[in-house]
Amino acid sequence: MSEEIALHHRIPDDERPAVEALRLALRQGTASSVRLTISDDSTQSFVVPPSTMAVLSELLDLLATTGQATVIDEDREIGLDEAAHLLSMSRAMLAHRLARGDVPHVRTDEAYRLRLSDVLAFREIETAQRRALAELGVLTDEAMRRDGG
């Protein structure tokens, strides 16, 4: 991948039926691998490994349903602004969470550097915790109503 963190691709509407047909063909197949043939001046044929097929199938699902997909290099480092945006929190709150050691990071001079994969993992944990707290709140409200509280 280039120096970009993400590669975003949008397919034209007139290509979506072909993407959908390819997606369905790959989903309905029972073979453990798929052979890809590239025809140009010299025809080349490759066997696509199952792990790559899984990624390709997910990508085709996105392209067929939404017409667009983004591939992200999770090993890239990002700065405080981008991490705060991804986490939907302020720079100050994120800096506080970094100081607490909630997200692995490196601080160089005045700049923070975070691995995108660490930021995304932290976001998943935060989302799960918020969901659990919301469910706990609902259960507490139900229990209080049941007990006349």
C-alpha atoms as a PDB file:
ATOM      1  CA  MET A   1       0.000   0.000   0.000  1.00  0.00           C
ATOM      2  CA  SER A   2       1.199   3.541  -0.602  1.00  0.00           C
ATOM      3  CA  GLU A   3       1.777   6.205   2.029  1.00  0.00           C
ATOM      4  CA  GLU A   4      -1.990   6.529   2.358  1.00  0.00           C
ATOM      5  CA  ILE A   5      -3.718   5.080   5.415  1.00  0.00           C
ATOM      6  CA  ALA A   6      -6.758   4.058   3.410  1.00  0.00           C
ATOM      7  CA  LEU A   7      -7.601   3.149  -0.132  1.00  0.00           C
ATOM      8  CA  HIS A   8     -11.154   4.090  -1.003  1.00  0.00           C
ATOM      9  CA  HIS A   9     -12.850   2.853  -4.133  1.00  0.00           C
ATOM     10  CA  ARG A  10     -16.278   3.594  -5.555  1.00  0.00           C
ATOM     11  CA  ILE A  11     -17.562   1.595  -8.497  1.00  0.00           C
ATOM     12  CA  PRO A  12     -19.806   3.114 -11.177  1.00  0.00           C
ATOM     13  CA  ASP A  13     -23.466   2.169 -10.930  1.00  0.00           C
ATOM     14  CA  ASP A  14     -23.358   0.429 -14.296  1.00  0.00           C
ATOM     15  CA  GLU A  15     -20.690  -1.992 -12.975  1.00  0.00           C
ATOM     16  CA  ARG A  16     -22.669  -3.036  -9.884  1.00  0.00           C
ATOM     17  CA  PRO A  17     -24.596  -5.848 -11.639  1.00  0.00           C
ATOM     18  CA  ALA A  18     -21.307  -7.461 -12.701  1.00  0.00           C
ATOM     19  CA  VAL A  19     -19.944  -7.167  -9.162  1.00  0.00           C
ATOM     20  CA  GLU A  20     -23.157  -8.713  -7.811  1.00  0.00           C
ATOM     21  CA  ALA A  21     -22.905 -11.598 -10.312  1.00  0.00           C
ATOM     22  CA  LEU A  22     -19.295 -12.266  -9.307  1.00  0.00           C
ATOM     23  CA  ARG A  23     -20.220 -12.082  -5.630  1.00  0.00           C
ATOM     24  CA  LEU A  24     -23.032 -14.605  -6.070  1.00  0.00           C
ATOM     25  CA  ALA A  25     -20.862 -16.945  -8.138  1.00  0.00           C
ATOM     26  CA  LEU A  26     -18.186 -16.981  -5.447  1.00  0.00           C
ATOM     27  CA  ARG A  27     -20.758 -17.457  -2.652  1.00  0.00           C
ATOM     28  CA  GLN A  28     -22.525 -20.332  -4.411  1.00  0.00           C
ATOM     29  CA  GLY A  29     -19.355 -22.169  -5.333  1.00  0.00           C
ATOM     30  CA  THR A  30     -18.369 -25.195  -3.306  1.00  0.00           C
ATOM     31  CA  ALA A  31     -14.726 -25.271  -4.386  1.00  0.00           C
ATOM     32  CA  SER A  32     -12.066 -24.709  -1.760  1.00  0.00           C
ATOM     33  CA  SER A  33     -10.187 -22.403  -4.112  1.00  0.00           C
ATOM     34  CA  VAL A  34     -10.830 -20.281  -7.172  1.00  0.00           C
ATOM     35  CA  ARG A  35      -8.693 -19.926 -10.264  1.00  0.00           C
ATOM     36  CA  LEU A  36      -8.278 -16.388 -11.575  1.00  0.00           C
ATOM     37  CA  THR A  37      -7.311 -15.991 -15.217  1.00  0.00           C
ATOM     38  CA  ILE A  38      -5.955 -12.727 -16.527  1.00  0.00           C
ATOM     39  CA  SER A  39      -6.176 -12.477 -20.303  1.00  0.00           C
ATOM     40  CA  ASP A  40      -3.978  -9.990 -22.076  1.00  0.00           C
ATOM     41  CA  ASP A  41      -1.047 -10.556 -24.419  1.00  0.00           C
ATOM     42  CA  SER A  42       0.089 -13.480 -22.273  1.00  0.00           C
ATOM     43  CA  THR A  43      -2.697 -15.303 -20.438  1.00  0.00           C
ATOM     44  CA  GLN A  44      -1.836 -15.952 -16.791  1.00  0.00           C
ATOM     45  CA  SER A  45      -3.747 -18.122 -14.358  1.00  0.00           C
ATOM     46  CA  PHE A  46      -3.547 -18.111 -10.552  1.00  0.00           C
ATOM     47  CA  VAL A  47      -5.178 -20.049  -7.751  1.00  0.00           C
ATOM     48  CA  VAL A  48      -6.642 -17.654  -5.185  1.00  0.00           C
ATOM     49  CA  PRO A  49      -5.983 -19.015  -1.663  1.00  0.00           C
ATOM     50  CA  PRO A  50      -8.975 -19.505   0.687  1.00  0.00           C
ATOM     51  CA  SER A  51      -7.857 -16.728   3.076  1.00  0.00           C
ATOM     52  CA  THR A  52      -7.711 -14.269   0.187  1.00  0.00           C
ATOM     53  CA  MET A  53     -11.078 -15.526  -1.064  1.00  0.00           C
ATOM     54  CA  ALA A  54     -12.627 -14.689   2.313  1.00  0.00           C
ATOM     55  CA  VAL A  55     -11.380 -11.105   2.055  1.00  0.00           C
ATOM     56  CA  LEU A  56     -12.381 -10.860  -1.587  1.00  0.00           C
ATOM     57  CA  SER A  57     -15.890 -12.127  -0.776  1.00  0.00           C
ATOM     58  CA  GLU A  58     -16.326  -9.515   1.963  1.00  0.00           C
ATOM     59  CA  LEU A  59     -15.052  -6.800  -0.356  1.00  0.00           C
ATOM     60  CA  LEU A  60     -17.452  -7.899  -3.090  1.00  0.00           C
ATOM     61  CA  ASP A  61     -20.315  -7.888  -0.548  1.00  0.00           C
ATOM     62  CA  LEU A  62     -19.567  -4.252   0.241  1.00  0.00           C
ATOM     63  CA  LEU A  63     -19.153  -3.240  -3.379  1.00  0.00           C
ATOM     64  CA  ALA A  64     -22.362  -5.017  -4.436  1.00  0.00           C
ATOM     65  CA  THR A  65     -24.487  -3.537  -1.648  1.00  0.00           C
ATOM     66  CA  THR A  66     -23.040  -0.049  -1.233  1.00  0.00           C
ATOM     67  CA  GLY A  67     -21.043   0.534  -4.401  1.00  0.00           C
ATOM     68  CA  GLN A  68     -17.979   1.498  -2.369  1.00  0.00           C
ATOM     69  CA  ALA A  69     -15.366   0.067  -0.026  1.00  0.00           C
ATOM     70  CA  THR A  70     -12.382   1.268   1.949  1.00  0.00           C
ATOM     71  CA  VAL A  71      -9.324  -0.820   2.704  1.00  0.00           C
ATOM     72  CA  ILE A  72      -7.327   0.379   5.696  1.00  0.00           C
ATOM     73  CA  ASP A  73      -3.722  -0.396   6.589  1.00  0.00           C
ATOM     74  CA  GLU A  74      -4.081  -1.057  10.320  1.00  0.00           C
ATOM     75  CA  ASP A  75      -0.315  -1.071  10.906  1.00  0.00           C
ATOM     76  CA  ARG A  76      -0.002   2.598   9.963  1.00  0.00           C
ATOM     77  CA  GLU A  77       0.635   5.187  12.625  1.00  0.00           C
ATOM     78  CA  ILE A  78      -1.761   8.081  12.980  1.00  0.00           C
ATOM     79  CA  GLY A  79      -1.702  11.295  14.944  1.00  0.00           C
ATOM     80  CA  LEU A  80      -3.825  12.533  17.829  1.00  0.00           C
ATOM     81  CA  ASP A  81      -6.303  14.419  15.621  1.00  0.00           C
ATOM     82  CA  GLU A  82      -7.153  11.455  13.431  1.00  0.00           C
ATOM     83  CA  ALA A  83      -7.330   9.067  16.405  1.00  0.00           C
ATOM     84  CA  ALA A  84      -9.645  11.439  18.275  1.00  0.00           C
ATOM     85  CA  HIS A  85     -11.863  11.675  15.203  1.00  0.00           C
ATOM     86  CA  LEU A  86     -12.027   7.879  14.845  1.00  0.00           C
ATOM     87  CA  LEU A  87     -12.900   7.556  18.545  1.00  0.00           C
ATOM     88  CA  SER A  88     -15.457  10.400  18.467  1.00  0.00           C
ATOM     89  CA  MET A  89     -13.783  12.156  21.361  1.00  0.00           C
ATOM     90  CA  SER A  90     -11.953  15.400  21.866  1.00  0.00           C
ATOM     91  CA  ARG A  91      -8.194  15.698  21.595  1.00  0.00           C
ATOM     92  CA  ALA A  92      -8.062  16.579  25.286  1.00  0.00           C
ATOM     93  CA  MET A  93     -10.056  13.505  26.317  1.00  0.00           C
ATOM     94  CA  LEU A  94      -7.903  11.255  24.150  1.00  0.00           C
ATOM     95  CA  ALA A  95      -4.706  12.808  25.559  1.00  0.00           C
ATOM     96  CA  HIS A  96      -6.073  12.087  29.049  1.00  0.00           C
ATOM     97  CA  ARG A  97      -6.804   8.461  28.092  1.00  0.00           C
ATOM     98  CA  LEU A  98      -3.301   8.136  26.620  1.00  0.00           C
ATOM     99  CA  ALA A  99      -1.786   9.477  29.838  1.00  0.00           C
ATOM    100  CA  ARG A 100      -3.768   6.820  31.755  1.00  0.00           C
ATOM    101  CA  GLY A 101      -2.272   4.158  29.486  1.00  0.00           C
ATOM    102  CA  ASP A 102      -5.595   3.145  27.907  1.00  0.00           C
ATOM    103  CA  VAL A 103      -4.174   3.122  24.378  1.00  0.00           C
ATOM    104  CA  PRO A 104      -0.596   2.209  23.418  1.00  0.00           C
ATOM    105  CA  HIS A 105       1.208   5.146  21.867  1.00  0.00           C
ATOM    106  CA  VAL A 106       4.543   6.836  21.356  1.00  0.00           C
ATOM    107  CA  ARG A 107       5.145  10.467  22.180  1.00  0.00           C
ATOM    108  CA  THR A 108       7.815  12.288  20.214  1.00  0.00           C
ATOM    109  CA  ASP A 109       8.452  15.888  21.205  1.00  0.00           C
ATOM    110  CA  GLU A 110       4.923  17.299  21.268  1.00  0.00           C
ATOM    111  CA  ALA A 111       3.337  14.767  18.922  1.00  0.00           C
ATOM    112  CA  TYR A 112       1.536  11.530  19.715  1.00  0.00           C
ATOM    113  CA  ARG A 113       1.790   8.554  17.330  1.00  0.00           C
ATOM    114  CA  LEU A 114      -0.697   5.696  17.612  1.00  0.00           C
ATOM    115  CA  ARG A 115      -1.027   2.492  15.615  1.00  0.00           C
ATOM    116  CA  LEU A 116      -4.345   2.433  13.850  1.00  0.00           C
ATOM    117  CA  SER A 117      -4.940  -1.175  14.958  1.00  0.00           C
ATOM    118  CA  ASP A 118      -4.566  -0.112  18.618  1.00  0.00           C
ATOM    119  CA  VAL A 119      -7.025   2.754  18.129  1.00  0.00           C
ATOM    120  CA  LEU A 120      -9.563   0.458  16.434  1.00  0.00           C
ATOM    121  CA  ALA A 121      -9.175  -2.174  19.184  1.00  0.00           C
ATOM    122  CA  PHE A 122      -9.718   0.512  21.834  1.00  0.00           C
ATOM    123  CA  ARG A 123     -12.819   1.705  19.970  1.00  0.00           C
ATOM    124  CA  GLU A 124     -14.237  -1.832  20.005  1.00  0.00           C
ATOM    125  CA  ILE A 125     -13.635  -2.117  23.764  1.00  0.00           C
ATOM    126  CA  GLU A 126     -15.215   1.283  24.402  1.00  0.00           C
ATOM    127  CA  THR A 127     -18.234   0.398  22.260  1.00  0.00           C
ATOM    128  CA  ALA A 128     -18.717  -2.910  24.091  1.00  0.00           C
ATOM    129  CA  GLN A 129     -18.450  -1.157  27.477  1.00  0.00           C
ATOM    130  CA  ARG A 130     -20.981   1.511  26.469  1.00  0.00           C
ATOM    131  CA  ARG A 131     -23.352  -1.175  25.207  1.00  0.00           C
ATOM    132  CA  ALA A 132     -22.996  -3.144  28.459  1.00  0.00           C
ATOM    133  CA  LEU A 133     -23.632  -0.024  30.547  1.00  0.00           C
ATOM    134  CA  ALA A 134     -26.720   0.816  28.512  1.00  0.00           C
ATOM    135  CA  GLU A 135     -28.054  -2.715  28.986  1.00  0.00           C
ATOM    136  CA  LEU A 136     -27.315  -2.503  32.703  1.00  0.00           C
ATOM    137  CA  GLY A 137     -29.250   0.760  32.856  1.00  0.00           C
ATOM    138  CA  VAL A 138     -32.250  -0.838  31.163  1.00  0.00           C
ATOM    139  CA  LEU A 139     -32.134  -3.806  33.536  1.00  0.00           C
ATOM    140  CA  THR A 140     -31.850  -1.488  36.532  1.00  0.00           C
ATOM    141  CA  ASP A 141     -34.829   0.572  35.368  1.00  0.00           C
ATOM    142  CA  GLU A 142     -36.886  -2.598  34.854  1.00  0.00           C
ATOM    143  CA  ALA A 143     -35.955  -3.906  38.289  1.00  0.00           C
ATOM    144  CA  MET A 144     -36.838  -0.610  39.947  1.00  0.00           C
ATOM    145  CA  ARG A 145     -40.232  -0.509  38.213  1.00  0.00           C
ATOM    146  CA  ARG A 146     -40.899  -4.121  39.189  1.00  0.00           C
ATOM    147  CA  ASP A 147     -39.932  -3.466  42.814  1.00  0.00           C
ATOM    148  CA  GLY A 148     -41.929  -0.242  42.953  1.00  0.00           C
ATOM    149  CA  GLY A 149     -38.777   1.883  43.258  1.00  0.00           C
END
